[in-house]
Amino acid sequence: MTQTRDTVLAALSRLALPDGGDLVSRDLVRALTIEGDSIRFVIEAPDPEIARRMEPVRQAAEAAVKALPGVETVSALLTAHGPAAKPAPPSLKIGGHPTPQAGPAKIAGVDRILAVGSGKGGVGKSTVSSNLAVALARQGRRVGLLDADIYGPSQPRMMGLSKRPASPDGKTIIPLQAHGVTFMSIGLMLKEDEAVVWRGPMLMGALQQMLGQVAWGELDVLIVDLPPGTGDVQLTLCQKSHVTGALIVSTPQDVALLDARRAIDMFGKLKTPILGLIENMSTYVCPNCGHEAHIFGHGGVAAEAEKLGVPFLGEIPLSLDVRLAGDAGTPIAAGEGPIAEAYARLAQRLVAGGMA
């Protein structure tokens, strides 16, 4: 049974506060989000002193909502109303030197982390990441998408999001939701045309924040869209978090495969398993005459996967509709048609193989 906003508020209204009233009648419930069997909300106390005394109320609120039929996970954050008449923008600062960390750390609530890499730009890695996330969500998985391409964050446009994430306490980041996917990107914290001009340590610090300070909730899989190359972001991700494995995206042409091999070698050195290879822009079918053309070649990625002894996960055709859908903010995997079916098959293979 899927709960509604009214049934959740009704459960919270039955919790009496020590100084009178309840959470609902005193308008203390904020940011109530219901996604299937997962519910999140914020309890906003009048001031920090009252907030410090309300931890038992927060725990009771979580328990009351969790007791509702069909609810599996509940997350309630406790914060305090600031002095300003209007909600202030998040005071959270993204970017800075990483905090010391002894070895890889697990992200709370996240079961698997899949890194999507390519070794080079221009092969459609970000397009594959966003569409794969949506396709997995349509398979019933609880999916998160982290845009770790910090110098060139394109996922906000592809996912149709531009709102700045909330940060109720200046530390926790509340991610956005789109197409059934929980989403975070550095691009949401910047103006669309603003460049990120950072050295490596700030880059690493920003990634560490987005991994550890985002309230991801309960996820079956977090997909991390990596930047091209084999640099700081890849090293930080694999050394600071428990990455389940990597998916390598490449076009069939030799130049792309050359860089894909470098990415595979990098993951090998970082002891991150290669879960499979994906051939993007594999085939182009003319919409007018139906002629099939292999603009970038064909079969090269499958042959490389066989040579390396890793799974070949599938082919994604080249289509103008993919570009139009991404620019419009609705990944093509959210709709119907041959490309959406290709992503659905890819998602099914990952789920069947226990990878997602």
Protein backbone atom coordinates (compact mmCIF):
# COMPACT_ATOMS: atom_id res chain seq x y z
CA MET A 1 0.00 0.00 0.00
CA THR A 2 1.47 3.38 -1.06
CA GLN A 3 0.98 6.11 1.50
CA THR A 4 -0.13 9.64 0.62
CA ARG A 5 0.87 12.99 2.02
CA ASP A 6 -2.39 13.14 3.98
CA THR A 7 -1.91 9.73 5.64
CA VAL A 8 1.66 10.59 6.63
CA LEU A 9 0.63 13.95 8.08
CA ALA A 10 -2.23 12.24 9.92
CA ALA A 11 0.27 9.87 11.57
CA LEU A 12 2.51 12.78 12.56
CA SER A 13 -0.42 14.77 13.92
CA ARG A 14 -0.96 12.09 16.55
CA LEU A 15 2.42 12.87 18.17
CA ALA A 16 1.88 15.34 21.01
CA LEU A 17 4.72 17.80 21.70
CA PRO A 18 5.92 18.35 25.29
CA ASP A 19 4.93 22.04 25.19
CA GLY A 20 1.56 21.45 23.54
CA GLY A 21 0.18 20.81 20.07
CA ASP A 22 1.65 18.44 17.50
CA LEU A 23 4.06 18.55 14.57
CA VAL A 24 1.34 19.25 12.01
CA SER A 25 -0.82 21.75 13.88
CA ARG A 26 2.32 23.78 14.69
CA ASP A 27 3.51 23.58 11.07
CA LEU A 28 6.89 21.99 11.84
CA VAL A 29 6.94 19.46 8.99
CA ARG A 30 8.89 20.45 5.87
CA ALA A 31 10.06 18.83 2.59
CA LEU A 32 7.82 15.75 2.86
CA THR A 33 8.78 13.39 0.01
CA ILE A 34 7.11 10.03 -0.73
CA GLU A 35 8.72 7.68 -3.24
CA GLY A 36 7.10 4.26 -3.20
CA ASP A 37 7.95 2.67 0.14
CA SER A 38 10.50 5.39 1.09
CA ILE A 39 9.48 8.56 2.96
CA ARG A 40 11.63 11.57 3.90
CA PHE A 41 10.77 14.78 5.77
CA VAL A 42 12.32 17.55 7.82
CA ILE A 43 11.18 18.69 11.27
CA GLU A 44 11.91 22.41 11.59
CA ALA A 45 12.04 23.59 15.22
CA PRO A 46 11.44 27.27 16.08
CA ASP A 47 15.03 27.80 17.27
CA PRO A 48 18.25 25.80 17.81
CA GLU A 49 17.67 25.40 21.55
CA ILE A 50 14.27 23.75 21.03
CA ALA A 51 15.75 21.62 18.23
CA ARG A 52 18.32 20.19 20.64
CA ARG A 53 15.49 19.01 22.89
CA MET A 54 13.42 17.50 20.09
CA GLU A 55 15.55 14.46 19.21
CA PRO A 56 13.09 12.11 21.00
CA VAL A 57 10.28 13.66 18.95
CA ARG A 58 12.23 13.07 15.74
CA GLN A 59 12.76 9.42 16.65
CA ALA A 60 9.07 9.01 17.54
CA ALA A 61 8.07 10.62 14.24
CA GLU A 62 10.23 8.20 12.26
CA ALA A 63 8.75 5.27 14.17
CA ALA A 64 5.17 6.48 13.63
CA VAL A 65 5.61 6.81 9.88
CA LYS A 66 7.52 3.53 9.60
CA ALA A 67 4.55 1.79 11.25
CA LEU A 68 2.30 2.75 8.34
CA PRO A 69 1.44 -0.14 5.96
CA GLY A 70 3.84 -0.53 3.03
CA VAL A 71 6.52 1.82 4.39
CA GLU A 72 10.03 0.33 4.37
CA THR A 73 12.37 3.26 5.01
CA VAL A 74 11.88 6.59 6.78
CA SER A 75 14.35 9.45 7.15
CA ALA A 76 13.53 12.44 9.36
CA LEU A 77 16.00 15.33 9.66
CA LEU A 78 15.82 17.82 12.54
CA THR A 79 16.70 21.44 11.91
CA ALA A 80 15.97 24.88 13.35
CA HIS A 81 14.25 27.87 11.82
CA GLY A 82 16.75 30.65 11.14
CA PRO A 83 16.32 34.30 12.08
CA ALA A 84 15.54 35.42 8.53
CA ALA A 85 11.93 35.89 7.52
CA LYS A 86 12.52 33.93 4.32
CA PRO A 87 14.44 30.65 3.97
CA ALA A 88 18.06 31.44 3.26
CA PRO A 89 19.93 29.66 0.47
CA PRO A 90 22.15 26.83 1.63
CA SER A 91 25.23 28.05 3.46
CA LEU A 92 27.02 24.91 2.38
CA LYS A 93 30.26 25.55 0.55
CA ILE A 94 31.23 22.99 -2.06
CA GLY A 95 34.91 22.56 -2.80
CA GLY A 96 37.86 22.55 -0.45
CA HIS A 97 40.61 20.25 0.65
CA PRO A 98 39.36 16.74 1.42
CA THR A 99 39.00 15.71 5.03
CA PRO A 100 41.28 12.92 6.28
CA GLN A 101 39.80 9.48 5.81
CA ALA A 102 41.26 6.11 6.74
CA GLY A 103 40.49 3.93 3.73
CA PRO A 104 37.27 3.49 1.75
CA ALA A 105 34.02 4.43 3.51
CA LYS A 106 30.55 3.05 2.85
CA ILE A 107 27.86 5.53 1.87
CA ALA A 108 24.97 5.19 4.32
CA GLY A 109 21.98 3.48 2.75
CA VAL A 110 23.66 2.76 -0.61
CA ASP A 111 23.95 -0.92 -1.52
CA ARG A 112 26.03 -0.73 -4.73
CA ILE A 113 28.09 1.93 -6.50
CA LEU A 114 28.59 1.65 -10.25
CA ALA A 115 31.21 3.93 -11.83
CA VAL A 116 30.59 4.76 -15.49
CA GLY A 117 33.85 5.64 -17.24
CA SER A 118 35.15 6.04 -20.75
CA GLY A 119 38.78 7.07 -20.83
CA LYS A 120 37.94 9.85 -23.32
CA GLY A 121 35.27 12.42 -23.94
CA GLY A 122 32.69 12.41 -26.70
CA VAL A 123 31.60 8.77 -26.52
CA GLY A 124 28.28 9.51 -24.79
CA LYS A 125 29.21 8.39 -21.28
CA SER A 126 26.99 10.97 -19.57
CA THR A 127 24.08 10.13 -21.88
CA VAL A 128 24.49 6.44 -21.06
CA SER A 129 24.70 7.23 -17.32
CA SER A 130 21.48 9.24 -17.17
CA ASN A 131 19.52 6.86 -19.39
CA LEU A 132 20.78 3.80 -17.54
CA ALA A 133 19.72 5.37 -14.23
CA VAL A 134 16.22 6.02 -15.57
CA ALA A 135 16.01 2.53 -17.11
CA LEU A 136 16.99 0.92 -13.81
CA ALA A 137 14.39 3.01 -11.98
CA ARG A 138 11.78 1.75 -14.45
CA GLN A 139 12.87 -1.78 -13.52
CA GLY A 140 11.84 -1.01 -9.93
CA ARG A 141 15.30 -0.32 -8.56
CA ARG A 142 15.99 2.54 -6.12
CA VAL A 143 18.54 4.53 -8.10
CA GLY A 144 20.80 7.50 -7.44
CA LEU A 145 22.81 9.41 -10.04
CA LEU A 146 25.90 11.43 -9.07
CA ASP A 147 27.37 13.70 -11.71
CA ALA A 148 31.07 13.53 -10.83
CA ASP A 149 32.18 15.33 -14.00
CA ILE A 150 32.92 18.42 -11.93
CA TYR A 151 34.62 20.46 -14.65
CA GLY A 152 31.87 19.74 -17.19
CA PRO A 153 28.62 18.87 -15.38
CA SER A 154 26.01 18.14 -18.06
CA GLN A 155 23.60 15.95 -16.11
CA PRO A 156 21.39 18.78 -14.75
CA ARG A 157 20.39 19.65 -18.33
CA MET A 158 19.91 16.00 -19.31
CA MET A 159 17.79 15.29 -16.22
CA GLY A 160 15.80 18.52 -16.57
CA LEU A 161 16.88 20.00 -13.21
CA SER A 162 18.16 23.44 -12.27
CA LYS A 163 16.95 24.00 -8.68
CA ARG A 164 19.65 24.44 -6.04
CA PRO A 165 19.62 21.59 -3.50
CA ALA A 166 18.52 22.42 0.03
CA SER A 167 20.85 22.19 3.01
CA PRO A 168 18.82 22.47 6.21
CA ASP A 169 21.84 22.45 8.52
CA GLY A 170 24.65 23.72 6.29
CA LYS A 171 26.16 20.23 6.21
CA THR A 172 23.58 17.80 4.85
CA ILE A 173 22.65 18.18 1.18
CA ILE A 174 19.12 17.18 0.15
CA PRO A 175 19.35 15.75 -3.39
CA LEU A 176 16.78 16.42 -6.10
CA GLN A 177 14.46 13.91 -7.75
CA ALA A 178 13.72 13.43 -11.46
CA HIS A 179 12.31 10.56 -13.54
CA GLY A 180 12.36 8.27 -10.48
CA VAL A 181 16.07 8.96 -9.82
CA THR A 182 17.71 10.65 -6.81
CA PHE A 183 20.16 13.16 -8.28
CA MET A 184 23.09 15.40 -7.33
CA SER A 185 25.55 17.41 -9.40
CA ILE A 186 28.01 20.23 -8.78
CA GLY A 187 26.21 21.90 -11.69
CA LEU A 188 23.20 22.47 -9.42
CA MET A 189 25.36 24.64 -7.15
CA LEU A 190 26.60 26.90 -9.99
CA LYS A 191 25.24 29.16 -12.67
CA GLU A 192 24.81 27.23 -15.92
CA ASP A 193 27.68 29.05 -17.68
CA GLU A 194 29.97 29.34 -14.63
CA ALA A 195 33.30 27.54 -14.91
CA VAL A 196 34.83 25.46 -12.13
CA VAL A 197 38.45 26.64 -11.84
CA TRP A 198 39.87 24.38 -9.14
CA ARG A 199 43.07 22.51 -8.51
CA GLY A 200 43.03 18.80 -7.68
CA PRO A 201 42.55 19.02 -3.89
CA MET A 202 39.37 21.12 -4.21
CA LEU A 203 38.08 18.70 -6.83
CA MET A 204 38.68 15.78 -4.48
CA GLY A 205 37.08 17.64 -1.58
CA ALA A 206 33.95 18.39 -3.62
CA LEU A 207 33.56 14.74 -4.63
CA GLN A 208 34.04 13.64 -1.03
CA GLN A 209 31.26 16.05 0.03
CA MET A 210 28.86 14.82 -2.65
CA LEU A 211 29.48 11.23 -1.64
CA GLY A 212 29.30 11.66 2.12
CA GLN A 213 27.13 14.71 2.82
CA VAL A 214 24.28 14.07 0.39
CA ALA A 215 21.25 12.44 2.05
CA TRP A 216 20.99 9.70 -0.58
CA GLY A 217 18.48 7.67 1.43
CA GLU A 218 18.07 3.95 0.77
CA LEU A 219 19.39 3.09 -2.71
CA ASP A 220 19.88 -0.21 -4.48
CA VAL A 221 22.47 1.40 -6.73
CA LEU A 222 24.27 4.73 -7.08
CA ILE A 223 25.52 5.44 -10.60
CA VAL A 224 28.53 7.77 -10.72
CA ASP A 225 29.09 9.55 -14.03
CA LEU A 226 32.86 10.02 -14.16
CA PRO A 227 34.73 12.66 -16.19
CA PRO A 228 36.92 11.58 -19.09
CA GLY A 229 40.44 10.45 -18.38
CA THR A 230 42.18 8.74 -15.49
CA GLY A 231 42.69 11.51 -12.95
CA ASP A 232 41.82 12.84 -9.51
CA VAL A 233 38.08 12.11 -9.55
CA GLN A 234 38.55 8.46 -10.51
CA LEU A 235 41.29 8.02 -7.91
CA THR A 236 39.24 9.66 -5.16
CA LEU A 237 36.10 7.67 -5.93
CA CYS A 238 37.84 4.30 -5.96
CA GLN A 239 40.08 4.98 -2.96
CA LYS A 240 37.54 6.71 -0.72
CA SER A 241 34.38 4.64 -1.31
CA HIS A 242 33.43 1.01 -1.82
CA VAL A 243 32.87 0.91 -5.59
CA THR A 244 31.10 -2.27 -6.68
CA GLY A 245 32.54 -2.07 -10.17
CA ALA A 246 32.96 -0.03 -13.35
CA LEU A 247 31.06 0.09 -16.62
CA ILE A 248 33.15 1.18 -19.60
CA VAL A 249 31.45 3.09 -22.42
CA SER A 250 33.09 3.33 -25.84
CA THR A 251 32.24 3.79 -29.47
CA PRO A 252 33.50 1.04 -31.81
CA GLN A 253 36.23 3.14 -33.43
CA ASP A 254 39.87 2.33 -32.70
CA VAL A 255 40.72 5.73 -31.15
CA ALA A 256 37.91 5.40 -28.59
CA LEU A 257 38.87 1.82 -27.81
CA LEU A 258 42.49 2.87 -27.25
CA ASP A 259 41.39 5.26 -24.48
CA ALA A 260 38.89 2.74 -23.13
CA ARG A 261 41.78 0.31 -22.62
CA ARG A 262 43.56 2.97 -20.56
CA ALA A 263 40.47 3.38 -18.39
CA ILE A 264 40.27 -0.40 -17.94
CA ASP A 265 43.95 -0.49 -16.95
CA MET A 266 43.38 2.33 -14.43
CA PHE A 267 40.47 0.48 -12.76
CA GLY A 268 42.63 -2.64 -12.66
CA LYS A 269 45.37 -0.77 -10.82
CA LEU A 270 42.77 0.58 -8.39
CA LYS A 271 41.44 -2.97 -7.86
CA THR A 272 37.97 -1.99 -9.11
CA PRO A 273 36.25 -4.81 -11.05
CA ILE A 274 35.17 -4.20 -14.64
CA LEU A 275 31.52 -5.26 -14.75
CA GLY A 276 31.19 -4.93 -18.50
CA LEU A 277 31.60 -2.89 -21.68
CA ILE A 278 28.90 -0.94 -23.52
CA GLU A 279 29.09 -0.02 -27.20
CA ASN A 280 27.48 3.40 -27.73
CA MET A 281 26.62 4.95 -31.12
CA SER A 282 26.77 1.43 -32.48
CA THR A 283 24.36 1.60 -35.41
CA TYR A 284 22.54 4.38 -37.25
CA VAL A 285 19.24 3.62 -38.93
CA CYS A 286 18.06 6.25 -41.42
CA PRO A 287 14.58 7.40 -40.36
CA ASN A 288 13.57 7.95 -44.00
CA CYS A 289 14.70 4.81 -45.80
CA GLY A 290 15.59 2.43 -42.96
CA HIS A 291 19.16 1.92 -44.21
CA GLU A 292 21.50 0.75 -41.44
CA ALA A 293 24.95 2.37 -41.31
CA HIS A 294 27.89 1.86 -38.95
CA ILE A 295 29.29 5.38 -38.80
CA PHE A 296 31.86 4.64 -36.10
CA GLY A 297 32.37 1.01 -37.07
CA HIS A 298 30.63 -1.92 -35.40
CA GLY A 299 31.50 -4.76 -33.08
CA GLY A 300 34.79 -3.38 -31.82
CA VAL A 301 33.64 -3.12 -28.22
CA ALA A 302 32.22 -6.66 -28.21
CA ALA A 303 35.50 -7.97 -29.58
CA GLU A 304 37.43 -6.04 -26.92
CA ALA A 305 35.20 -7.44 -24.17
CA GLU A 306 35.82 -10.99 -25.42
CA LYS A 307 39.56 -10.33 -25.56
CA LEU A 308 39.57 -9.05 -21.97
CA GLY A 309 37.24 -11.76 -20.68
CA VAL A 310 34.63 -9.32 -19.35
CA PRO A 311 30.89 -9.17 -20.16
CA PHE A 312 29.68 -7.28 -23.22
CA LEU A 313 26.54 -5.61 -21.91
CA GLY A 314 24.99 -4.35 -25.12
CA GLU A 315 24.80 -1.91 -28.02
CA ILE A 316 23.12 1.50 -27.95
CA PRO A 317 22.18 2.84 -31.41
CA LEU A 318 23.04 6.34 -32.64
CA SER A 319 19.91 8.46 -32.95
CA LEU A 320 18.99 12.14 -33.19
CA ASP A 321 16.17 11.44 -30.73
CA VAL A 322 18.73 10.74 -27.98
CA ARG A 323 20.24 14.20 -28.38
CA LEU A 324 16.85 15.91 -28.54
CA ALA A 325 15.63 14.09 -25.42
CA GLY A 326 18.77 14.95 -23.47
CA ASP A 327 18.60 18.63 -24.42
CA ALA A 328 14.93 18.67 -23.42
CA GLY A 329 15.68 17.25 -19.95
CA THR A 330 13.83 13.95 -20.37
CA PRO A 331 16.20 11.01 -21.03
CA ILE A 332 15.00 8.86 -23.90
CA ALA A 333 14.91 5.82 -21.60
CA ALA A 334 11.93 7.46 -19.86
CA GLY A 335 9.80 6.94 -22.98
CA GLU A 336 9.13 4.22 -25.52
CA GLY A 337 10.83 3.12 -28.72
CA PRO A 338 13.91 1.23 -29.93
CA ILE A 339 16.45 3.27 -27.92
CA ALA A 340 14.42 3.04 -24.72
CA GLU A 341 14.16 -0.71 -25.29
CA ALA A 342 17.95 -0.95 -25.71
CA TYR A 343 18.45 0.75 -22.35
CA ALA A 344 15.77 -1.46 -20.78
CA ARG A 345 17.67 -4.56 -21.97
CA LEU A 346 20.90 -3.14 -20.56
CA ALA A 347 19.22 -2.49 -17.20
CA GLN A 348 17.74 -6.00 -17.19
CA ARG A 349 21.19 -7.52 -17.75
CA LEU A 350 22.62 -5.58 -14.82
CA VAL A 351 19.74 -6.55 -12.52
CA ALA A 352 19.84 -10.20 -13.60
CA GLY A 353 23.59 -10.30 -13.04
CA GLY A 354 23.23 -8.90 -9.52
CA MET A 355 25.14 -5.75 -10.48
CA ALA A 356 22.30 -3.27 -9.89
